[in-house]
Amino acid sequence: MRILVVGGSGLIGAHVVDVLRERGHAVTTVARTARPGVDHLLDLESASIDDLRPLLAGHDGVVYATRSDEQRPLPKPILPAFRRDIVEPVVRLFTAARLEGLSRGVIMGSYYTYFDRLHPQWRLADRHTYVRCRLEQALEGRAAAGPELPVAVLELPFIFGRAGDRLPNWAGPLDRWAKSRSPLVAPVGGSAAAAARSVAEIAVDALEKASGADIPVADENLTWNDMITRIAEAVGRPRRVGRLPAGAVRAFLRFGGRMQALGGKESGINPSYFGDLLTTELFIEPTTGRPLDPALRETFADTASETQHDRVPPSA
């Protein structure tokens, strides 16, 4: 196969490129900033269908692996901005891919869409613009692709790992916190987690099978206590992690949501409801069973806090 990887310079995209090449496939990379190994520079948010078609011509498949910042507050209303960032580029990309005769695709999505299916009573799409746009991204992207171009959506949790100097955006702050003398504390709840390499292997499997499935991804399910404990061990300062009361976490985030609203701003994940998610076990079953520790140690190697971090969302 010949595959175009959009976001091929990012943490996950770089691993996808590696796995494709290891399996004998040809790869073309697209990114918005110049880096070694990037074949074409393009800002997908402004690229038209006509801009995309020449890049896609001659390829068998395409991977959409760019990131979105769901936490950044923006002036109200934020839905148009989030659609411009998350939904509309995917619609144009897969429209162009269909017109060029591609036969398979992958979108790197978010595990919030998995939980929206599993727990409709949580009303995630109503409460969180980011989740709504992730759902629309999958729905409208597949509609643009049409039945002849199956598109798999990988629903991604916390991602650990490294690709050169590319790390998750939260790695630096957590690295510094775990190395500091400050006490370590965590609320109840937890998250599914996966290694970037594992995500890449699952993505390439989906391409090889021309899958059009929703694929929730998790190597392990970790409580927040377990995750922070293992991060502290990885940075060489193992110690006990205290417990934050769930009620206090929820109250603090609700207050943050009210202050944000008073300032005329919103974020993709609404702080007023985020406490409910944060103190819930956002676990995916089944897990792959692949060990997470190598990627966790790689994320928090000695140089982790000194490098420039890619913006990979903690819970895509």
Protein backbone atom coordinates (compact mmCIF):
# COMPACT_ATOMS: atom_id res chain seq x y z
CA MET A 1 0.00 0.00 0.00
CA ARG A 2 0.91 3.64 -0.40
CA ILE A 3 -0.40 5.71 2.51
CA LEU A 4 -0.57 9.47 3.10
CA VAL A 5 -0.14 10.33 6.79
CA VAL A 6 -1.51 13.77 7.67
CA GLY A 7 0.20 14.85 10.89
CA GLY A 8 3.10 12.55 10.15
CA SER A 9 5.52 14.63 12.24
CA GLY A 10 3.50 14.27 15.46
CA LEU A 11 3.91 11.70 18.21
CA ILE A 12 1.32 9.25 16.92
CA GLY A 13 1.80 10.06 13.25
CA ALA A 14 5.54 9.41 13.47
CA HIS A 15 4.90 5.95 14.93
CA VAL A 16 2.34 5.22 12.21
CA VAL A 17 4.96 6.11 9.60
CA ASP A 18 7.48 3.79 11.27
CA VAL A 19 5.09 0.84 11.44
CA LEU A 20 3.94 1.29 7.84
CA ARG A 21 7.53 1.27 6.59
CA GLU A 22 8.45 -1.71 8.77
CA ARG A 23 5.63 -3.65 7.09
CA GLY A 24 6.83 -2.73 3.62
CA HIS A 25 4.35 0.01 2.77
CA ALA A 26 5.22 3.30 1.06
CA VAL A 27 4.50 6.48 3.03
CA THR A 28 4.06 10.17 2.23
CA THR A 29 3.93 12.60 5.15
CA VAL A 30 2.13 15.93 5.47
CA ALA A 31 2.50 18.38 8.34
CA ARG A 32 1.98 22.09 9.01
CA THR A 33 5.57 22.68 10.17
CA ALA A 34 8.86 21.64 8.59
CA ARG A 35 10.69 18.75 10.23
CA PRO A 36 13.06 16.07 8.99
CA GLY A 37 11.00 13.42 7.23
CA VAL A 38 8.08 15.72 6.32
CA ASP A 39 7.39 15.47 2.59
CA HIS A 40 4.78 18.23 2.20
CA LEU A 41 3.93 21.31 4.25
CA LEU A 42 0.22 22.05 4.48
CA ASP A 43 -2.15 23.63 6.98
CA LEU A 44 -5.16 21.34 6.75
CA GLU A 45 -7.45 23.91 8.35
CA SER A 46 -7.09 26.18 5.33
CA ALA A 47 -6.46 23.57 2.61
CA SER A 48 -9.19 23.17 -0.01
CA ILE A 49 -10.29 19.95 -1.69
CA ASP A 50 -8.37 21.07 -4.78
CA ASP A 51 -5.24 21.56 -2.63
CA LEU A 52 -5.59 18.06 -1.21
CA ARG A 53 -6.31 16.06 -4.34
CA PRO A 54 -2.76 16.24 -5.82
CA LEU A 55 -1.30 15.08 -2.48
CA LEU A 56 -3.70 12.13 -2.33
CA ALA A 57 -3.37 11.11 -5.98
CA GLY A 58 -1.77 7.69 -6.38
CA HIS A 59 -2.28 6.66 -2.74
CA ASP A 60 -4.30 3.71 -1.45
CA GLY A 61 -5.15 5.17 1.94
CA VAL A 62 -4.90 8.16 4.25
CA VAL A 63 -4.39 8.59 8.01
CA TYR A 64 -5.61 11.72 9.78
CA ALA A 65 -3.36 12.08 12.84
CA THR A 66 -3.42 15.77 13.71
CA ARG A 67 -4.22 16.98 17.21
CA SER A 68 -6.84 19.26 18.73
CA ASP A 69 -6.63 21.24 21.98
CA GLU A 70 -9.88 20.60 23.81
CA GLN A 71 -8.91 22.47 26.97
CA ARG A 72 -7.97 25.89 25.58
CA PRO A 73 -10.61 28.52 26.48
CA LEU A 74 -11.96 30.51 23.55
CA PRO A 75 -14.49 33.35 23.30
CA LYS A 76 -18.09 32.19 23.02
CA PRO A 77 -19.50 30.62 20.94
CA ILE A 78 -16.78 28.03 20.39
CA LEU A 79 -18.67 25.58 18.19
CA PRO A 80 -17.71 27.28 14.88
CA ALA A 81 -14.02 27.33 15.87
CA PHE A 82 -14.07 23.69 16.94
CA ARG A 83 -15.80 22.64 13.74
CA ARG A 84 -13.16 24.51 11.72
CA ASP A 85 -10.43 22.70 13.64
CA ILE A 86 -11.88 19.20 14.04
CA VAL A 87 -14.69 18.53 11.55
CA GLU A 88 -14.33 20.56 8.37
CA PRO A 89 -10.70 19.56 7.53
CA VAL A 90 -11.67 15.89 7.80
CA VAL A 91 -14.67 16.38 5.53
CA ARG A 92 -12.49 18.04 2.89
CA LEU A 93 -9.74 15.44 3.28
CA PHE A 94 -12.02 12.45 2.79
CA THR A 95 -13.98 14.14 0.02
CA ALA A 96 -10.68 14.58 -1.82
CA ALA A 97 -9.67 11.00 -0.96
CA ARG A 98 -12.92 9.63 -2.42
CA LEU A 99 -12.49 11.69 -5.58
CA GLU A 100 -8.96 10.31 -5.99
CA GLY A 101 -10.16 6.72 -5.58
CA LEU A 102 -8.56 5.86 -2.24
CA SER A 103 -9.82 2.66 -0.66
CA ARG A 104 -9.13 3.01 3.08
CA GLY A 105 -8.67 5.57 5.82
CA VAL A 106 -8.07 6.06 9.54
CA ILE A 107 -9.03 8.95 11.82
CA MET A 108 -7.31 9.35 15.19
CA GLY A 109 -10.28 10.19 17.38
CA SER A 110 -11.13 10.32 21.07
CA TYR A 111 -12.33 7.77 23.59
CA TYR A 112 -15.01 10.21 24.66
CA THR A 113 -17.02 9.02 21.64
CA TYR A 114 -16.74 5.46 22.97
CA PHE A 115 -18.15 6.56 26.31
CA ASP A 116 -20.87 8.55 24.58
CA ARG A 117 -22.05 5.29 22.94
CA LEU A 118 -21.66 3.33 26.17
CA HIS A 119 -23.29 5.89 28.48
CA PRO A 120 -25.76 8.09 26.55
CA GLN A 121 -27.19 9.22 29.90
CA TRP A 122 -23.96 11.19 30.48
CA ARG A 123 -25.02 13.56 27.65
CA LEU A 124 -21.39 14.12 26.70
CA ALA A 125 -22.13 15.65 23.30
CA ASP A 126 -24.61 18.11 24.84
CA ARG A 127 -22.23 19.15 27.61
CA HIS A 128 -18.88 19.19 25.81
CA THR A 129 -18.36 20.86 22.43
CA TYR A 130 -15.22 18.80 21.88
CA VAL A 131 -17.12 15.52 22.18
CA ARG A 132 -19.87 16.79 19.89
CA CYS A 133 -17.29 17.72 17.26
CA ARG A 134 -15.49 14.39 17.56
CA LEU A 135 -18.81 12.64 16.90
CA GLU A 136 -19.50 14.94 13.96
CA GLN A 137 -15.95 14.38 12.69
CA ALA A 138 -16.53 10.63 12.43
CA LEU A 139 -20.05 10.91 11.03
CA GLU A 140 -19.38 13.62 8.46
CA GLY A 141 -15.94 12.30 7.52
CA ARG A 142 -17.40 8.89 6.73
CA ALA A 143 -20.27 10.46 4.81
CA ALA A 144 -17.75 12.41 2.71
CA ALA A 145 -15.72 9.24 2.09
CA GLY A 146 -18.72 7.23 0.94
CA PRO A 147 -19.20 3.46 1.11
CA GLU A 148 -16.32 2.76 -1.26
CA LEU A 149 -13.80 4.29 1.18
CA PRO A 150 -14.16 2.67 4.64
CA VAL A 151 -12.81 4.85 7.45
CA ALA A 152 -11.79 3.39 10.81
CA VAL A 153 -11.96 5.71 13.83
CA LEU A 154 -9.48 4.92 16.59
CA GLU A 155 -10.89 6.14 19.91
CA LEU A 156 -7.79 7.13 21.84
CA PRO A 157 -7.23 7.60 25.60
CA PHE A 158 -4.13 8.90 27.42
CA ILE A 159 -1.17 8.27 25.10
CA PHE A 160 2.34 7.56 26.40
CA GLY A 161 5.54 7.37 24.40
CA ARG A 162 8.12 9.36 22.52
CA ALA A 163 9.12 9.94 18.90
CA GLY A 164 12.44 11.79 18.91
CA ASP A 165 11.71 14.98 20.84
CA ARG A 166 7.95 14.60 20.39
CA LEU A 167 6.10 13.87 23.61
CA PRO A 168 2.57 14.23 24.96
CA ASN A 169 1.88 17.86 25.88
CA TRP A 170 1.25 16.99 29.51
CA ALA A 171 4.55 15.10 29.92
CA GLY A 172 6.62 18.14 30.91
CA PRO A 173 4.33 19.43 33.70
CA LEU A 174 3.85 15.94 35.15
CA ASP A 175 7.58 15.25 34.92
CA ARG A 176 8.39 18.43 36.87
CA TRP A 177 5.67 17.74 39.45
CA ALA A 178 6.81 14.16 40.02
CA LYS A 179 10.45 15.31 40.41
CA SER A 180 9.56 18.14 42.78
CA ARG A 181 9.19 18.10 46.56
CA SER A 182 5.50 18.87 46.25
CA PRO A 183 3.10 16.23 47.56
CA LEU A 184 1.53 13.95 44.97
CA VAL A 185 -2.25 13.67 45.13
CA ALA A 186 -4.92 12.10 42.92
CA PRO A 187 -8.70 11.87 42.89
CA VAL A 188 -10.68 8.68 42.58
CA GLY A 189 -11.30 7.54 39.04
CA GLY A 190 -8.87 6.81 36.27
CA SER A 191 -8.34 6.42 32.57
CA ALA A 192 -7.55 3.95 29.87
CA ALA A 193 -4.04 4.43 28.49
CA ALA A 194 -2.07 3.27 25.48
CA ALA A 195 1.41 3.50 24.00
CA ALA A 196 1.85 5.53 20.82
CA ARG A 197 3.50 2.50 19.21
CA SER A 198 0.49 0.33 20.07
CA VAL A 199 -1.87 2.90 18.53
CA ALA A 200 0.23 2.90 15.36
CA GLU A 201 0.13 -0.89 15.06
CA ILE A 202 -3.66 -0.90 15.48
CA ALA A 203 -3.99 1.87 12.89
CA VAL A 204 -1.91 -0.03 10.35
CA ASP A 205 -3.90 -3.21 11.04
CA ALA A 206 -7.07 -1.23 10.25
CA LEU A 207 -5.55 0.05 7.00
CA GLU A 208 -4.45 -3.40 5.92
CA LYS A 209 -7.94 -4.78 6.57
CA ALA A 210 -9.67 -1.70 5.05
CA SER A 211 -11.69 -1.56 8.28
CA GLY A 212 -14.48 0.96 8.75
CA ALA A 213 -15.01 0.21 12.44
CA ASP A 214 -15.00 2.30 15.60
CA ILE A 215 -11.97 0.95 17.47
CA PRO A 216 -11.57 1.88 21.16
CA VAL A 217 -7.90 1.52 22.10
CA ALA A 218 -6.41 0.72 25.51
CA ASP A 219 -3.30 -1.17 26.56
CA GLU A 220 -4.06 -0.80 30.27
CA ASN A 221 -6.67 0.78 32.53
CA LEU A 222 -5.09 2.86 35.30
CA THR A 223 -6.53 4.59 38.32
CA TRP A 224 -5.15 8.12 38.68
CA ASN A 225 -3.36 6.94 41.83
CA ASP A 226 -1.68 4.11 39.93
CA MET A 227 -0.75 6.37 37.01
CA ILE A 228 0.87 9.04 39.18
CA THR A 229 2.62 6.40 41.31
CA ARG A 230 4.14 4.86 38.20
CA ILE A 231 5.16 8.26 36.82
CA ALA A 232 6.93 9.05 40.12
CA GLU A 233 8.76 5.73 39.87
CA ALA A 234 9.70 6.44 36.26
CA VAL A 235 11.33 9.79 37.16
CA GLY A 236 13.22 8.24 40.08
CA ARG A 237 11.23 9.78 42.98
CA PRO A 238 8.86 7.02 44.12
CA ARG A 239 6.55 7.99 46.96
CA ARG A 240 3.03 7.68 48.28
CA VAL A 241 0.22 9.41 46.40
CA GLY A 242 -2.45 11.02 48.57
CA ARG A 243 -6.17 11.07 47.89
CA LEU A 244 -8.07 14.15 46.74
CA PRO A 245 -11.74 14.16 47.84
CA ALA A 246 -13.99 13.71 44.81
CA GLY A 247 -16.41 16.36 46.06
CA ALA A 248 -13.64 18.94 46.31
CA VAL A 249 -12.45 18.16 42.78
CA ARG A 250 -15.95 18.55 41.36
CA ALA A 251 -16.59 21.77 43.29
CA PHE A 252 -13.29 23.31 42.18
CA LEU A 253 -13.96 22.52 38.52
CA ARG A 254 -17.56 23.77 38.70
CA PHE A 255 -16.21 27.04 40.11
CA GLY A 256 -13.73 27.19 37.24
CA GLY A 257 -16.56 26.67 34.79
CA ARG A 258 -18.56 29.54 36.30
CA MET A 259 -15.54 31.85 36.18
CA GLN A 260 -14.90 30.89 32.58
CA ALA A 261 -18.53 31.63 31.68
CA LEU A 262 -18.38 35.00 33.43
CA GLY A 263 -15.38 35.84 31.28
CA GLY A 264 -17.37 35.06 28.13
CA LYS A 265 -15.28 32.01 27.30
CA GLU A 266 -15.75 28.27 26.82
CA SER A 267 -13.47 25.29 26.35
CA GLY A 268 -14.11 22.09 24.45
CA ILE A 269 -14.37 20.09 27.66
CA ASN A 270 -16.71 22.06 29.92
CA PRO A 271 -15.08 22.43 33.38
CA SER A 272 -18.52 22.49 35.02
CA TYR A 273 -18.99 18.83 34.07
CA PHE A 274 -15.37 17.73 33.78
CA GLY A 275 -15.19 16.83 37.48
CA ASP A 276 -17.76 14.10 36.89
CA LEU A 277 -15.55 12.60 34.17
CA LEU A 278 -12.31 13.05 36.09
CA THR A 279 -13.62 11.13 39.11
CA THR A 280 -15.02 8.28 37.01
CA GLU A 281 -13.13 5.20 35.87
CA LEU A 282 -12.95 5.88 32.13
CA PHE A 283 -11.85 2.34 31.36
CA ILE A 284 -12.01 0.46 28.06
CA GLU A 285 -12.59 -3.27 27.83
CA PRO A 286 -11.02 -5.35 26.54
CA THR A 287 -7.50 -4.00 26.68
CA THR A 288 -4.79 -5.15 24.30
CA GLY A 289 -2.76 -6.61 27.16
CA ARG A 290 0.38 -4.96 25.82
CA PRO A 291 2.65 -3.66 28.61
CA LEU A 292 2.50 0.10 29.07
CA ASP A 293 5.61 0.46 31.25
CA PRO A 294 8.16 0.79 28.38
CA ALA A 295 6.22 3.71 26.88
CA LEU A 296 5.66 5.25 30.30
CA ARG A 297 9.39 5.13 31.11
CA GLU A 298 10.18 6.49 27.65
CA THR A 299 7.82 9.43 28.22
CA PHE A 300 9.53 10.35 31.48
CA ALA A 301 13.14 9.76 30.54
CA ASP A 302 15.68 12.21 32.01
CA THR A 303 15.40 14.55 29.03
CA ALA A 304 11.59 14.62 29.04
CA SER A 305 11.20 17.96 30.79
CA GLU A 306 13.87 19.61 28.63
CA THR A 307 12.36 18.90 25.20
CA GLN A 308 9.69 20.63 23.20
CA HIS A 309 6.38 18.81 23.59
CA ASP A 310 3.91 18.04 20.83
CA ARG A 311 0.35 18.96 21.71
CA VAL A 312 -1.19 15.55 22.07
CA PRO A 313 -4.32 15.74 24.21
CA PRO A 314 -4.24 13.78 27.44
CA SER A 315 -7.49 12.09 26.58
CA ALA A 316 -7.78 12.51 22.90
